Structure formats: structure tokens, C-alpha cells
Amino acid sequence: MVAGLGNPGLRYAATRHNAGFQVVESLGEWGSISLDKKKFDAEFGRGRMGGCDVLLVRPQSYMNRSGIPVQKLCNFFDVAVSNLVVVYDDIDLPLGRIRIREKGGHGGHNGIRSLIEQLGTRDFSRVRIGVGRPEGEQDVADYVLSGFSKQEKEIWLRVVEKAREAVCCILQEGFSVAMQKYQL
């Protein structure tokens, strides 16, 4: 299962906080997997990528409650937590950077905090996508719920593509190889 975190609705579609949604959508387009199924407050699609069955998921419960639909889908489709890859935004990484980890804490990210609480473990894989920190006095919540400048959009389109390639590499070649190739 590849779960991209974000917030539902057009209002949030092009925001920094929807990095996970954007990567999962890119994976779906690339792999011809339609995200047209709905269950447990999530949109998802099933198909094959990298020689394996994959379930692409966009929780629709808002970021802070992402763990509930992901946990329900893991149970329903009998997906072990060790086979879960979560893609999400990270303000602690500069815009355009990618970090791949096999497990870890929540780092202050409420979507990851929800997943840890619902799954009862920190042992799931992550693809963190850097969106940078706000400059000056801008509120972090306002920042992650904002869109990108024209200059940032050019960087953003490239990083979504690289994150999609990183997830495909994880599926085809494993984490060690993906970490070596895609730690941008």
C-alpha cells in the first residue's frame, strides 16, 4: 500500500500539505491506476507496479485523522504494516528534497502521529518530501496550506516526479536502493 497524505477538496489540492496526494495521483497516472474506489473514508485504486500488486490510497479524513482510513484499509486488504509506504510533506526539509526512511517517529507531523496511533507502531516506511519552512513570522499551518510561487512550482513539479520514481524504485528494487538513488 502506498498512502499519500493530504486534505480532501479543491481548496487544498495544490497546497504544500497535499504533497502525498500529488505523488499518489502521479503514481496512478503513470501506472494507469484509477483512484476511483471509495471505502473507509478513503479514495483508492488497485493495480500492478514494479511487478507487484499495489494499492494507492488518498485518505479523505483530513491530515490529522489519516491513520483511521489507512488502518481500516490495511485490515480490510490484509496489508502488513511492513508493506505500507507513506508519502507526505515535511517542513524540516528544504523545498525539493526527498528523504526515505523505513521507520521513525512523527517529527511533529500530525498525519504521521495519527498513523502511529492507529497502527500501534512506528515501523512503516516513509517518503518525506521537503516543502521548506515559512520565512519570518508566517504561521506554519497557513504556510503548509498555501500554494507555491511560480518559481517554486517549477521545482515542485520535478520533485513530485522524483518522489514518484522513488516509490517505484522502492516497489521494484527495495528501500536500500531507493535510499541510495533518491536521497535528494
C-alpha atoms as a PDB file:
ATOM      1  CA  MET A   1       0.000   0.000   0.000  1.00  0.00           C
ATOM      2  CA  VAL A   2       1.201   3.474  -0.898  1.00  0.00           C
ATOM      3  CA  ALA A   3      -0.705   6.075   1.110  1.00  0.00           C
ATOM      4  CA  GLY A   4      -0.304   9.726   0.196  1.00  0.00           C
ATOM      5  CA  LEU A   5      -1.298  12.142   2.935  1.00  0.00           C
ATOM      6  CA  GLY A   6      -3.213  15.342   2.349  1.00  0.00           C
ATOM      7  CA  ASN A   7      -6.525  17.114   2.784  1.00  0.00           C
ATOM      8  CA  PRO A   8      -9.587  16.486   0.603  1.00  0.00           C
ATOM      9  CA  GLY A   9     -11.217  19.070  -1.619  1.00  0.00           C
ATOM     10  CA  LEU A  10     -10.219  21.593  -4.264  1.00  0.00           C
ATOM     11  CA  ARG A  11      -9.318  24.199  -1.649  1.00  0.00           C
ATOM     12  CA  TYR A  12      -6.270  22.144  -0.628  1.00  0.00           C
ATOM     13  CA  ALA A  13      -5.416  20.420  -3.920  1.00  0.00           C
ATOM     14  CA  ALA A  14      -2.357  22.492  -4.855  1.00  0.00           C
ATOM     15  CA  THR A  15      -1.031  23.153  -1.352  1.00  0.00           C
ATOM     16  CA  ARG A  16       2.223  22.064   0.239  1.00  0.00           C
ATOM     17  CA  HIS A  17       0.344  19.859   2.715  1.00  0.00           C
ATOM     18  CA  ASN A  18      -1.016  17.769  -0.165  1.00  0.00           C
ATOM     19  CA  ALA A  19       2.377  16.535  -1.326  1.00  0.00           C
ATOM     20  CA  GLY A  20       1.366  12.946  -0.612  1.00  0.00           C
ATOM     21  CA  PHE A  21      -1.853  13.224  -2.599  1.00  0.00           C
ATOM     22  CA  GLN A  22       0.040  14.706  -5.534  1.00  0.00           C
ATOM     23  CA  VAL A  23       2.606  11.897  -5.597  1.00  0.00           C
ATOM     24  CA  VAL A  24      -0.071   9.182  -5.336  1.00  0.00           C
ATOM     25  CA  GLU A  25      -2.017  10.857  -8.166  1.00  0.00           C
ATOM     26  CA  SER A  26       1.175  10.919 -10.247  1.00  0.00           C
ATOM     27  CA  LEU A  27       1.733   7.213  -9.494  1.00  0.00           C
ATOM     28  CA  GLY A  28      -1.833   6.460 -10.550  1.00  0.00           C
ATOM     29  CA  GLU A  29      -1.451   8.339 -13.834  1.00  0.00           C
ATOM     30  CA  TRP A  30       1.927   6.756 -14.557  1.00  0.00           C
ATOM     31  CA  GLY A  31       0.743   3.240 -13.719  1.00  0.00           C
ATOM     32  CA  SER A  32      -2.757   3.609 -15.210  1.00  0.00           C
ATOM     33  CA  ILE A  33      -4.333   3.006 -11.806  1.00  0.00           C
ATOM     34  CA  SER A  34      -7.537   4.954 -11.328  1.00  0.00           C
ATOM     35  CA  LEU A  35      -8.201   6.209  -7.801  1.00  0.00           C
ATOM     36  CA  ASP A  36     -11.940   5.857  -8.260  1.00  0.00           C
ATOM     37  CA  LYS A  37     -12.841   3.435  -5.476  1.00  0.00           C
ATOM     38  CA  LYS A  38     -14.088   4.616  -2.084  1.00  0.00           C
ATOM     39  CA  LYS A  39     -14.149   2.818   1.236  1.00  0.00           C
ATOM     40  CA  PHE A  40     -13.484   3.732   4.866  1.00  0.00           C
ATOM     41  CA  ASP A  41     -13.240   7.471   4.124  1.00  0.00           C
ATOM     42  CA  ALA A  42     -10.523   6.989   1.510  1.00  0.00           C
ATOM     43  CA  GLU A  43     -10.124   7.058  -2.251  1.00  0.00           C
ATOM     44  CA  PHE A  44      -8.028   4.252  -3.667  1.00  0.00           C
ATOM     45  CA  GLY A  45      -7.121   2.206  -6.683  1.00  0.00           C
ATOM     46  CA  ARG A  46      -5.585  -1.211  -7.192  1.00  0.00           C
ATOM     47  CA  GLY A  47      -3.186  -2.348  -9.866  1.00  0.00           C
ATOM     48  CA  ARG A  48       0.309  -3.586 -10.613  1.00  0.00           C
ATOM     49  CA  MET A  49       3.507  -1.574 -10.471  1.00  0.00           C
ATOM     50  CA  GLY A  50       7.060  -2.766 -10.447  1.00  0.00           C
ATOM     51  CA  GLY A  51       5.946  -6.370 -10.754  1.00  0.00           C
ATOM     52  CA  CYS A  52       3.832  -6.320  -7.598  1.00  0.00           C
ATOM     53  CA  ASP A  53       0.252  -5.650  -6.618  1.00  0.00           C
ATOM     54  CA  VAL A  54      -0.204  -2.146  -5.271  1.00  0.00           C
ATOM     55  CA  LEU A  55      -2.960  -0.264  -3.536  1.00  0.00           C
ATOM     56  CA  LEU A  56      -2.744   3.535  -3.974  1.00  0.00           C
ATOM     57  CA  VAL A  57      -4.586   5.425  -1.235  1.00  0.00           C
ATOM     58  CA  ARG A  58      -5.634   9.017  -0.506  1.00  0.00           C
ATOM     59  CA  PRO A  59      -7.289   9.254   2.935  1.00  0.00           C
ATOM     60  CA  GLN A  60     -10.207  11.696   2.832  1.00  0.00           C
ATOM     61  CA  SER A  61     -10.435  12.241   6.586  1.00  0.00           C
ATOM     62  CA  TYR A  62      -8.147  15.310   6.682  1.00  0.00           C
ATOM     63  CA  MET A  63      -4.489  15.119   7.582  1.00  0.00           C
ATOM     64  CA  ASN A  64      -4.846  14.893  11.364  1.00  0.00           C
ATOM     65  CA  ARG A  65      -7.028  11.785  11.109  1.00  0.00           C
ATOM     66  CA  SER A  66      -5.234   9.999   8.244  1.00  0.00           C
ATOM     67  CA  GLY A  67      -4.460   6.957  10.359  1.00  0.00           C
ATOM     68  CA  ILE A  68      -8.073   5.852  10.675  1.00  0.00           C
ATOM     69  CA  PRO A  69      -8.789   5.103   6.991  1.00  0.00           C
ATOM     70  CA  VAL A  70      -5.256   3.774   6.374  1.00  0.00           C
ATOM     71  CA  GLN A  71      -5.557   1.352   9.302  1.00  0.00           C
ATOM     72  CA  LYS A  72      -9.014   0.206   8.161  1.00  0.00           C
ATOM     73  CA  LEU A  73      -7.779  -0.386   4.600  1.00  0.00           C
ATOM     74  CA  CYS A  74      -4.715  -2.269   5.873  1.00  0.00           C
ATOM     75  CA  ASN A  75      -7.020  -4.547   7.849  1.00  0.00           C
ATOM     76  CA  PHE A  76      -9.578  -4.948   5.049  1.00  0.00           C
ATOM     77  CA  PHE A  77      -6.991  -5.776   2.367  1.00  0.00           C
ATOM     78  CA  ASP A  78      -4.723  -7.678   4.780  1.00  0.00           C
ATOM     79  CA  VAL A  79      -1.759  -5.351   4.175  1.00  0.00           C
ATOM     80  CA  ALA A  80       1.017  -5.797   6.713  1.00  0.00           C
ATOM     81  CA  VAL A  81       2.416  -2.542   8.125  1.00  0.00           C
ATOM     82  CA  SER A  82       5.787  -3.648   6.753  1.00  0.00           C
ATOM     83  CA  ASN A  83       4.223  -3.291   3.263  1.00  0.00           C
ATOM     84  CA  LEU A  84       2.994   0.267   3.847  1.00  0.00           C
ATOM     85  CA  VAL A  85       4.745   3.268   2.288  1.00  0.00           C
ATOM     86  CA  VAL A  86       3.505   6.698   3.396  1.00  0.00           C
ATOM     87  CA  VAL A  87       4.251   9.791   1.301  1.00  0.00           C
ATOM     88  CA  TYR A  88       3.924  13.203   2.937  1.00  0.00           C
ATOM     89  CA  ASP A  89       5.169  16.776   3.192  1.00  0.00           C
ATOM     90  CA  ASP A  90       7.952  17.761   5.573  1.00  0.00           C
ATOM     91  CA  ILE A  91       8.712  21.355   6.588  1.00  0.00           C
ATOM     92  CA  ASP A  92      12.041  20.280   8.086  1.00  0.00           C
ATOM     93  CA  LEU A  93      13.388  19.535   4.600  1.00  0.00           C
ATOM     94  CA  PRO A  94      14.110  22.298   2.087  1.00  0.00           C
ATOM     95  CA  LEU A  95      11.784  22.559  -0.900  1.00  0.00           C
ATOM     96  CA  GLY A  96      12.655  19.830  -3.371  1.00  0.00           C
ATOM     97  CA  ARG A  97      14.482  17.453  -1.021  1.00  0.00           C
ATOM     98  CA  ILE A  98      13.372  13.841  -0.544  1.00  0.00           C
ATOM     99  CA  ARG A  99      14.135  11.548   2.393  1.00  0.00           C
ATOM    100  CA  ILE A 100      13.295   7.859   2.516  1.00  0.00           C
ATOM    101  CA  ARG A 101      13.090   6.038   5.833  1.00  0.00           C
ATOM    102  CA  GLU A 102      11.955   2.551   6.787  1.00  0.00           C
ATOM    103  CA  LYS A 103      10.595   3.690  10.148  1.00  0.00           C
ATOM    104  CA  GLY A 104      10.739   6.552  12.624  1.00  0.00           C
ATOM    105  CA  GLY A 105       8.804   8.959  14.789  1.00  0.00           C
ATOM    106  CA  HIS A 106       6.220  11.538  13.811  1.00  0.00           C
ATOM    107  CA  GLY A 107       8.589  14.526  13.867  1.00  0.00           C
ATOM    108  CA  GLY A 108       5.681  16.794  14.791  1.00  0.00           C
ATOM    109  CA  HIS A 109       3.660  15.818  11.692  1.00  0.00           C
ATOM    110  CA  ASN A 110       0.061  15.258  12.746  1.00  0.00           C
ATOM    111  CA  GLY A 111      -0.748  12.910   9.865  1.00  0.00           C
ATOM    112  CA  ILE A 112       2.124  10.626  10.848  1.00  0.00           C
ATOM    113  CA  ARG A 113       1.158  10.958  14.510  1.00  0.00           C
ATOM    114  CA  SER A 114      -2.344   9.712  13.593  1.00  0.00           C
ATOM    115  CA  LEU A 115      -0.896   6.758  11.676  1.00  0.00           C
ATOM    116  CA  ILE A 116       1.344   5.771  14.577  1.00  0.00           C
ATOM    117  CA  GLU A 117      -1.601   5.954  16.987  1.00  0.00           C
ATOM    118  CA  GLN A 118      -3.938   3.922  14.762  1.00  0.00           C
ATOM    119  CA  LEU A 119      -1.412   1.333  13.578  1.00  0.00           C
ATOM    120  CA  GLY A 120       0.155   0.962  17.017  1.00  0.00           C
ATOM    121  CA  THR A 121       3.671   1.104  15.568  1.00  0.00           C
ATOM    122  CA  ARG A 122       6.251   3.465  14.079  1.00  0.00           C
ATOM    123  CA  ASP A 123       7.561   0.704  11.830  1.00  0.00           C
ATOM    124  CA  PHE A 124       6.172   1.788   8.473  1.00  0.00           C
ATOM    125  CA  SER A 125       8.108   3.253   5.569  1.00  0.00           C
ATOM    126  CA  ARG A 126       8.075   6.911   4.649  1.00  0.00           C
ATOM    127  CA  VAL A 127       8.891   9.092   1.692  1.00  0.00           C
ATOM    128  CA  ARG A 128       9.223  12.620   3.075  1.00  0.00           C
ATOM    129  CA  ILE A 129       9.008  15.481   0.612  1.00  0.00           C
ATOM    130  CA  GLY A 130      10.547  18.793   1.565  1.00  0.00           C
ATOM    131  CA  VAL A 131       8.306  21.840   1.363  1.00  0.00           C
ATOM    132  CA  GLY A 132      10.591  24.120   3.399  1.00  0.00           C
ATOM    133  CA  ARG A 133       9.810  26.277   6.402  1.00  0.00           C
ATOM    134  CA  PRO A 134       7.921  29.554   6.328  1.00  0.00           C
ATOM    135  CA  GLU A 135      10.032  32.673   6.388  1.00  0.00           C
ATOM    136  CA  GLY A 136       9.602  35.335   9.021  1.00  0.00           C
ATOM    137  CA  GLU A 137       6.542  35.247  11.220  1.00  0.00           C
ATOM    138  CA  GLN A 138       4.234  33.279   8.911  1.00  0.00           C
ATOM    139  CA  ASP A 139       2.207  30.656  10.773  1.00  0.00           C
ATOM    140  CA  VAL A 140       3.267  27.089   9.911  1.00  0.00           C
ATOM    141  CA  ALA A 141      -0.350  25.953   9.371  1.00  0.00           C
ATOM    142  CA  ASP A 142      -1.012  28.848   6.996  1.00  0.00           C
ATOM    143  CA  TYR A 143       2.228  28.087   5.187  1.00  0.00           C
ATOM    144  CA  VAL A 144       1.586  24.378   4.561  1.00  0.00           C
ATOM    145  CA  LEU A 145      -1.972  25.157   3.463  1.00  0.00           C
ATOM    146  CA  SER A 146      -0.719  27.697   0.909  1.00  0.00           C
ATOM    147  CA  GLY A 147       0.218  27.155  -2.721  1.00  0.00           C
ATOM    148  CA  PHE A 148       3.548  27.563  -4.426  1.00  0.00           C
ATOM    149  CA  SER A 149       5.017  30.644  -6.077  1.00  0.00           C
ATOM    150  CA  LYS A 150       5.701  30.487  -9.819  1.00  0.00           C
ATOM    151  CA  GLN A 151       9.389  29.782  -9.162  1.00  0.00           C
ATOM    152  CA  GLU A 152       8.579  27.117  -6.546  1.00  0.00           C
ATOM    153  CA  LYS A 153       6.119  25.383  -8.916  1.00  0.00           C
ATOM    154  CA  GLU A 154       8.926  24.546 -11.333  1.00  0.00           C
ATOM    155  CA  ILE A 155      10.889  22.894  -8.510  1.00  0.00           C
ATOM    156  CA  TRP A 156       7.717  21.248  -7.195  1.00  0.00           C
ATOM    157  CA  LEU A 157       6.824  19.545 -10.476  1.00  0.00           C
ATOM    158  CA  ARG A 158      10.301  17.996 -10.627  1.00  0.00           C
ATOM    159  CA  VAL A 159      10.201  16.804  -7.006  1.00  0.00           C
ATOM    160  CA  VAL A 160       6.780  15.145  -7.458  1.00  0.00           C
ATOM    161  CA  GLU A 161       8.217  13.270 -10.428  1.00  0.00           C
ATOM    162  CA  LYS A 162      11.320  12.264  -8.435  1.00  0.00           C
ATOM    163  CA  ALA A 163       9.178  11.132  -5.489  1.00  0.00           C
ATOM    164  CA  ARG A 164       7.064   9.038  -7.859  1.00  0.00           C
ATOM    165  CA  GLU A 165      10.251   7.469  -9.241  1.00  0.00           C
ATOM    166  CA  ALA A 166      11.475   6.839  -5.683  1.00  0.00           C
ATOM    167  CA  VAL A 167       8.280   4.988  -4.765  1.00  0.00           C
ATOM    168  CA  CYS A 168       8.531   2.915  -7.955  1.00  0.00           C
ATOM    169  CA  CYS A 169      12.142   2.117  -7.054  1.00  0.00           C
ATOM    170  CA  ILE A 170      11.050   1.021  -3.573  1.00  0.00           C
ATOM    171  CA  LEU A 171       8.498  -1.324  -5.143  1.00  0.00           C
ATOM    172  CA  GLN A 172      10.907  -2.719  -7.755  1.00  0.00           C
ATOM    173  CA  GLU A 173      14.311  -2.684  -6.086  1.00  0.00           C
ATOM    174  CA  GLY A 174      13.730  -2.185  -2.362  1.00  0.00           C
ATOM    175  CA  PHE A 175      14.470   0.512   0.176  1.00  0.00           C
ATOM    176  CA  SER A 176      18.239   0.300   0.219  1.00  0.00           C
ATOM    177  CA  VAL A 177      18.494   1.007  -3.493  1.00  0.00           C
ATOM    178  CA  ALA A 178      15.835   3.739  -3.356  1.00  0.00           C
ATOM    179  CA  MET A 179      17.597   5.422  -0.437  1.00  0.00           C
ATOM    180  CA  GLN A 180      20.863   5.479  -2.391  1.00  0.00           C
ATOM    181  CA  LYS A 181      19.283   6.792  -5.596  1.00  0.00           C
ATOM    182  CA  TYR A 182      16.728   9.280  -4.277  1.00  0.00           C
ATOM    183  CA  GLN A 183      18.042  10.993  -1.163  1.00  0.00           C
ATOM    184  CA  LEU A 184      17.943  14.394  -2.848  1.00  0.00           C
END
